[in-house]
Amino acid sequence: IFGPTGRMENGQRLVLLKQIQAWRGDTHTSVTIKPVIDLNTPLTGQTRKVPAMLREQIILRDRTCVFPRCSHPARGCDIDHVVPWDEHAEAEGRPQPGPTTTGNLAALCRFHHRLKTHSAWRYAMVAPGVFEWTAPHGYRYRRDHTGTTELDPPDPPGIPRPRRR
């Protein structure tokens, strides 16, 4: 009925081919045409550096930084190896423990990437785009496309929670 369409990334809305053609005819408008990326197809890179199409897939899948309650857009995030890439694995004849694959990459804003790298925060991908985080104090959180869920039940009534500094 509508013919070919495209998608505006910022608005997450569909636009008709005629609108895209009109934008292309305007010298003040920049139009970038990208291939469709199937978010369910695992992609792999051969080095630590994340290839452009794999990076785009992670950005589209995660939408935001995957740290609990962070809403920084994934487009401005680092792409992190959930299980770290081992620079010495190949030279030592070992399999790569942290491959550059869809199942081992996540979008983290620079602040949360550094927090994960230099503190006791840890996370794992338990399903595509679903992450379980463990805070230094042991509390656990699930982060997916719907947001953040606390996995640890609240303290029973009448038992005070220890003070945090």
C-alpha atoms as a PDB file:
ATOM      1  CA  ILE A   1       0.000   0.000   0.000  1.00  0.00           C
ATOM      2  CA  PHE A   2       2.698   2.508   1.001  1.00  0.00           C
ATOM      3  CA  GLY A   3       5.607   1.271  -1.146  1.00  0.00           C
ATOM      4  CA  PRO A   4       9.261   1.298  -0.012  1.00  0.00           C
ATOM      5  CA  THR A   5       9.973   2.853   3.367  1.00  0.00           C
ATOM      6  CA  GLY A   6      12.926   3.870   5.503  1.00  0.00           C
ATOM      7  CA  ARG A   7      13.412   4.596   9.176  1.00  0.00           C
ATOM      8  CA  MET A   8      14.490   7.818  10.840  1.00  0.00           C
ATOM      9  CA  GLU A   9      16.818   6.796  13.641  1.00  0.00           C
ATOM     10  CA  ASN A  10      16.257   9.731  15.983  1.00  0.00           C
ATOM     11  CA  GLY A  11      12.480   9.487  15.786  1.00  0.00           C
ATOM     12  CA  GLN A  12      12.328   5.700  15.410  1.00  0.00           C
ATOM     13  CA  ARG A  13       9.580   6.201  12.845  1.00  0.00           C
ATOM     14  CA  LEU A  14       9.069   5.031   9.299  1.00  0.00           C
ATOM     15  CA  VAL A  15       9.262   7.425   6.368  1.00  0.00           C
ATOM     16  CA  LEU A  16       8.148   6.911   2.794  1.00  0.00           C
ATOM     17  CA  LEU A  17      10.529   6.666  -0.147  1.00  0.00           C
ATOM     18  CA  LYS A  18       9.090   9.908  -1.580  1.00  0.00           C
ATOM     19  CA  GLN A  19      10.108  11.762   1.609  1.00  0.00           C
ATOM     20  CA  ILE A  20      13.636  10.320   1.422  1.00  0.00           C
ATOM     21  CA  GLN A  21      13.890  11.367  -2.237  1.00  0.00           C
ATOM     22  CA  ALA A  22      12.782  14.881  -1.314  1.00  0.00           C
ATOM     23  CA  TRP A  23      15.431  15.059   1.422  1.00  0.00           C
ATOM     24  CA  ARG A  24      18.112  13.852  -1.009  1.00  0.00           C
ATOM     25  CA  GLY A  25      17.172  16.702  -3.352  1.00  0.00           C
ATOM     26  CA  ASP A  26      17.692  19.274  -0.575  1.00  0.00           C
ATOM     27  CA  THR A  27      21.308  20.437  -0.323  1.00  0.00           C
ATOM     28  CA  HIS A  28      20.872  21.188   3.404  1.00  0.00           C
ATOM     29  CA  THR A  29      19.911  17.620   4.295  1.00  0.00           C
ATOM     30  CA  SER A  30      22.202  14.627   4.694  1.00  0.00           C
ATOM     31  CA  VAL A  31      20.719  11.178   4.065  1.00  0.00           C
ATOM     32  CA  THR A  32      22.613   8.025   4.957  1.00  0.00           C
ATOM     33  CA  ILE A  33      21.356   4.744   3.563  1.00  0.00           C
ATOM     34  CA  LYS A  34      22.364   1.655   5.544  1.00  0.00           C
ATOM     35  CA  PRO A  35      21.618  -2.018   4.966  1.00  0.00           C
ATOM     36  CA  VAL A  36      19.014  -3.787   7.061  1.00  0.00           C
ATOM     37  CA  ILE A  37      20.678  -5.650   9.921  1.00  0.00           C
ATOM     38  CA  ASP A  38      18.933  -8.714  11.329  1.00  0.00           C
ATOM     39  CA  LEU A  39      19.228  -8.408  15.092  1.00  0.00           C
ATOM     40  CA  ASN A  40      18.728 -12.179  15.468  1.00  0.00           C
ATOM     41  CA  THR A  41      21.642 -13.191  13.229  1.00  0.00           C
ATOM     42  CA  PRO A  42      24.909 -13.640  15.149  1.00  0.00           C
ATOM     43  CA  LEU A  43      27.790 -11.676  13.635  1.00  0.00           C
ATOM     44  CA  THR A  44      31.503 -12.232  14.278  1.00  0.00           C
ATOM     45  CA  GLY A  45      34.672 -10.185  13.955  1.00  0.00           C
ATOM     46  CA  GLN A  46      38.126 -11.730  13.647  1.00  0.00           C
ATOM     47  CA  THR A  47      40.001  -9.216  15.817  1.00  0.00           C
ATOM     48  CA  ARG A  48      39.412  -7.222  19.007  1.00  0.00           C
ATOM     49  CA  LYS A  49      38.294  -4.256  16.897  1.00  0.00           C
ATOM     50  CA  VAL A  50      34.539  -4.401  16.329  1.00  0.00           C
ATOM     51  CA  PRO A  51      33.604  -4.256  12.606  1.00  0.00           C
ATOM     52  CA  ALA A  52      31.159  -1.503  11.586  1.00  0.00           C
ATOM     53  CA  MET A  53      28.205  -3.811  10.846  1.00  0.00           C
ATOM     54  CA  LEU A  54      28.621  -5.675  14.154  1.00  0.00           C
ATOM     55  CA  ARG A  55      28.900  -2.344  16.016  1.00  0.00           C
ATOM     56  CA  GLU A  56      25.686  -1.167  14.333  1.00  0.00           C
ATOM     57  CA  GLN A  57      23.923  -4.402  15.307  1.00  0.00           C
ATOM     58  CA  ILE A  58      24.867  -3.924  18.980  1.00  0.00           C
ATOM     59  CA  ILE A  59      23.739  -0.269  18.903  1.00  0.00           C
ATOM     60  CA  LEU A  60      20.371  -1.240  17.421  1.00  0.00           C
ATOM     61  CA  ARG A  61      19.895  -4.182  19.804  1.00  0.00           C
ATOM     62  CA  ASP A  62      20.878  -2.416  23.035  1.00  0.00           C
ATOM     63  CA  ARG A  63      19.516   1.099  22.227  1.00  0.00           C
ATOM     64  CA  THR A  64      21.126   2.533  25.402  1.00  0.00           C
ATOM     65  CA  CYS A  65      24.018   1.810  27.731  1.00  0.00           C
ATOM     66  CA  VAL A  66      23.209  -1.555  29.323  1.00  0.00           C
ATOM     67  CA  PHE A  67      24.319  -0.552  32.840  1.00  0.00           C
ATOM     68  CA  PRO A  68      21.395  -0.634  35.302  1.00  0.00           C
ATOM     69  CA  ARG A  69      19.176   2.427  34.932  1.00  0.00           C
ATOM     70  CA  CYS A  70      21.474   4.216  32.458  1.00  0.00           C
ATOM     71  CA  SER A  71      19.752   5.819  29.475  1.00  0.00           C
ATOM     72  CA  HIS A  72      22.783   7.106  27.550  1.00  0.00           C
ATOM     73  CA  PRO A  73      22.068   6.406  23.836  1.00  0.00           C
ATOM     74  CA  ALA A  74      24.008   3.415  22.496  1.00  0.00           C
ATOM     75  CA  ARG A  75      25.094   5.446  19.456  1.00  0.00           C
ATOM     76  CA  GLY A  76      27.489   7.361  21.766  1.00  0.00           C
ATOM     77  CA  CYS A  77      28.643   4.323  23.765  1.00  0.00           C
ATOM     78  CA  ASP A  78      31.725   2.152  23.723  1.00  0.00           C
ATOM     79  CA  ILE A  79      31.151  -1.400  22.506  1.00  0.00           C
ATOM     80  CA  ASP A  80      32.458  -3.597  25.320  1.00  0.00           C
ATOM     81  CA  HIS A  81      33.550  -7.230  25.287  1.00  0.00           C
ATOM     82  CA  VAL A  82      31.487  -8.753  28.134  1.00  0.00           C
ATOM     83  CA  VAL A  83      34.144 -11.451  28.523  1.00  0.00           C
ATOM     84  CA  PRO A  84      37.400  -9.574  27.838  1.00  0.00           C
ATOM     85  CA  TRP A  85      39.377 -10.202  24.640  1.00  0.00           C
ATOM     86  CA  ASP A  86      42.665 -11.955  25.459  1.00  0.00           C
ATOM     87  CA  GLU A  87      45.547 -10.484  23.434  1.00  0.00           C
ATOM     88  CA  HIS A  88      47.723 -13.535  24.164  1.00  0.00           C
ATOM     89  CA  ALA A  89      45.303 -16.381  23.419  1.00  0.00           C
ATOM     90  CA  GLU A  90      46.245 -16.913  19.763  1.00  0.00           C
ATOM     91  CA  ALA A  91      50.005 -16.715  20.369  1.00  0.00           C
ATOM     92  CA  GLU A  92      49.680 -19.234  23.199  1.00  0.00           C
ATOM     93  CA  GLY A  93      47.517 -21.582  21.103  1.00  0.00           C
ATOM     94  CA  ARG A  94      44.430 -21.131  23.284  1.00  0.00           C
ATOM     95  CA  PRO A  95      40.882 -20.434  22.114  1.00  0.00           C
ATOM     96  CA  GLN A  96      39.804 -16.796  22.417  1.00  0.00           C
ATOM     97  CA  PRO A  97      37.823 -16.508  25.699  1.00  0.00           C
ATOM     98  CA  GLY A  98      36.310 -13.133  24.744  1.00  0.00           C
ATOM     99  CA  PRO A  99      35.459 -13.279  21.043  1.00  0.00           C
ATOM    100  CA  THR A 100      34.204 -10.308  19.065  1.00  0.00           C
ATOM    101  CA  THR A 101      30.706 -11.665  18.506  1.00  0.00           C
ATOM    102  CA  THR A 102      27.115 -10.545  18.924  1.00  0.00           C
ATOM    103  CA  GLY A 103      26.865 -12.768  22.001  1.00  0.00           C
ATOM    104  CA  ASN A 104      29.845 -11.149  23.737  1.00  0.00           C
ATOM    105  CA  LEU A 105      29.378  -7.424  23.042  1.00  0.00           C
ATOM    106  CA  ALA A 106      27.364  -4.718  24.779  1.00  0.00           C
ATOM    107  CA  ALA A 107      26.944  -0.945  24.631  1.00  0.00           C
ATOM    108  CA  LEU A 108      28.390   0.835  27.677  1.00  0.00           C
ATOM    109  CA  CYS A 109      28.724   4.587  28.067  1.00  0.00           C
ATOM    110  CA  ARG A 110      32.297   5.627  28.795  1.00  0.00           C
ATOM    111  CA  PHE A 111      31.565   6.213  32.521  1.00  0.00           C
ATOM    112  CA  HIS A 112      30.015   2.759  33.042  1.00  0.00           C
ATOM    113  CA  HIS A 113      32.628   1.085  30.830  1.00  0.00           C
ATOM    114  CA  ARG A 114      35.334   2.479  33.113  1.00  0.00           C
ATOM    115  CA  LEU A 115      33.327   1.587  36.223  1.00  0.00           C
ATOM    116  CA  LYS A 116      33.013  -2.017  35.004  1.00  0.00           C
ATOM    117  CA  THR A 117      36.703  -2.172  34.092  1.00  0.00           C
ATOM    118  CA  HIS A 118      38.141  -0.559  37.233  1.00  0.00           C
ATOM    119  CA  SER A 119      35.758  -1.622  40.011  1.00  0.00           C
ATOM    120  CA  ALA A 120      34.042  -4.722  41.347  1.00  0.00           C
ATOM    121  CA  TRP A 121      30.927  -4.327  39.135  1.00  0.00           C
ATOM    122  CA  ARG A 122      30.497  -7.443  36.956  1.00  0.00           C
ATOM    123  CA  TYR A 123      28.026  -8.529  34.310  1.00  0.00           C
ATOM    124  CA  ALA A 124      27.119 -11.402  32.022  1.00  0.00           C
ATOM    125  CA  MET A 125      24.863 -11.708  28.997  1.00  0.00           C
ATOM    126  CA  VAL A 126      22.279 -14.364  29.866  1.00  0.00           C
ATOM    127  CA  ALA A 127      20.315 -14.090  26.591  1.00  0.00           C
ATOM    128  CA  PRO A 128      20.704 -11.869  23.535  1.00  0.00           C
ATOM    129  CA  GLY A 129      20.449  -8.285  24.813  1.00  0.00           C
ATOM    130  CA  VAL A 130      19.729  -9.412  28.407  1.00  0.00           C
ATOM    131  CA  PHE A 131      22.383  -8.638  31.005  1.00  0.00           C
ATOM    132  CA  GLU A 132      22.713  -9.585  34.656  1.00  0.00           C
ATOM    133  CA  TRP A 133      24.812  -7.184  36.691  1.00  0.00           C
ATOM    134  CA  THR A 134      26.315  -7.787  40.121  1.00  0.00           C
ATOM    135  CA  ALA A 135      27.183  -4.732  42.203  1.00  0.00           C
ATOM    136  CA  PRO A 136      30.240  -4.674  44.477  1.00  0.00           C
ATOM    137  CA  HIS A 137      27.947  -5.145  47.496  1.00  0.00           C
ATOM    138  CA  GLY A 138      26.353  -8.240  45.929  1.00  0.00           C
ATOM    139  CA  TYR A 139      23.019  -6.848  44.727  1.00  0.00           C
ATOM    140  CA  ARG A 140      21.999  -8.121  41.306  1.00  0.00           C
ATOM    141  CA  TYR A 141      20.129  -6.415  38.488  1.00  0.00           C
ATOM    142  CA  ARG A 142      18.720  -7.557  35.156  1.00  0.00           C
ATOM    143  CA  ARG A 143      18.927  -5.104  32.274  1.00  0.00           C
ATOM    144  CA  ASP A 144      17.040  -5.674  29.012  1.00  0.00           C
ATOM    145  CA  HIS A 145      15.129  -3.628  26.425  1.00  0.00           C
ATOM    146  CA  THR A 146      12.373  -2.925  28.985  1.00  0.00           C
ATOM    147  CA  GLY A 147      14.743  -1.407  31.558  1.00  0.00           C
ATOM    148  CA  THR A 148      16.234  -2.511  34.871  1.00  0.00           C
ATOM    149  CA  THR A 149      14.821  -5.057  37.304  1.00  0.00           C
ATOM    150  CA  GLU A 150      16.254  -5.744  40.760  1.00  0.00           C
ATOM    151  CA  LEU A 151      16.803  -9.485  41.091  1.00  0.00           C
ATOM    152  CA  ASP A 152      17.390  -9.590  44.811  1.00  0.00           C
ATOM    153  CA  PRO A 153      14.219  -9.420  46.873  1.00  0.00           C
ATOM    154  CA  PRO A 154      13.829  -6.471  49.236  1.00  0.00           C
ATOM    155  CA  ASP A 155      14.586  -7.027  52.890  1.00  0.00           C
ATOM    156  CA  PRO A 156      11.734  -8.527  54.932  1.00  0.00           C
ATOM    157  CA  PRO A 157       9.621  -6.013  56.886  1.00  0.00           C
ATOM    158  CA  GLY A 158      11.052  -5.013  60.250  1.00  0.00           C
ATOM    159  CA  ILE A 159      14.660  -5.858  59.364  1.00  0.00           C
ATOM    160  CA  PRO A 160      16.629  -2.664  58.748  1.00  0.00           C
ATOM    161  CA  ARG A 161      18.983  -2.573  55.793  1.00  0.00           C
ATOM    162  CA  PRO A 162      22.615  -1.769  56.702  1.00  0.00           C
ATOM    163  CA  ARG A 163      23.593   1.851  56.123  1.00  0.00           C
ATOM    164  CA  ARG A 164      25.587   2.589  53.012  1.00  0.00           C
ATOM    165  CA  ARG A 165      28.322   5.157  53.030  1.00  0.00           C
END
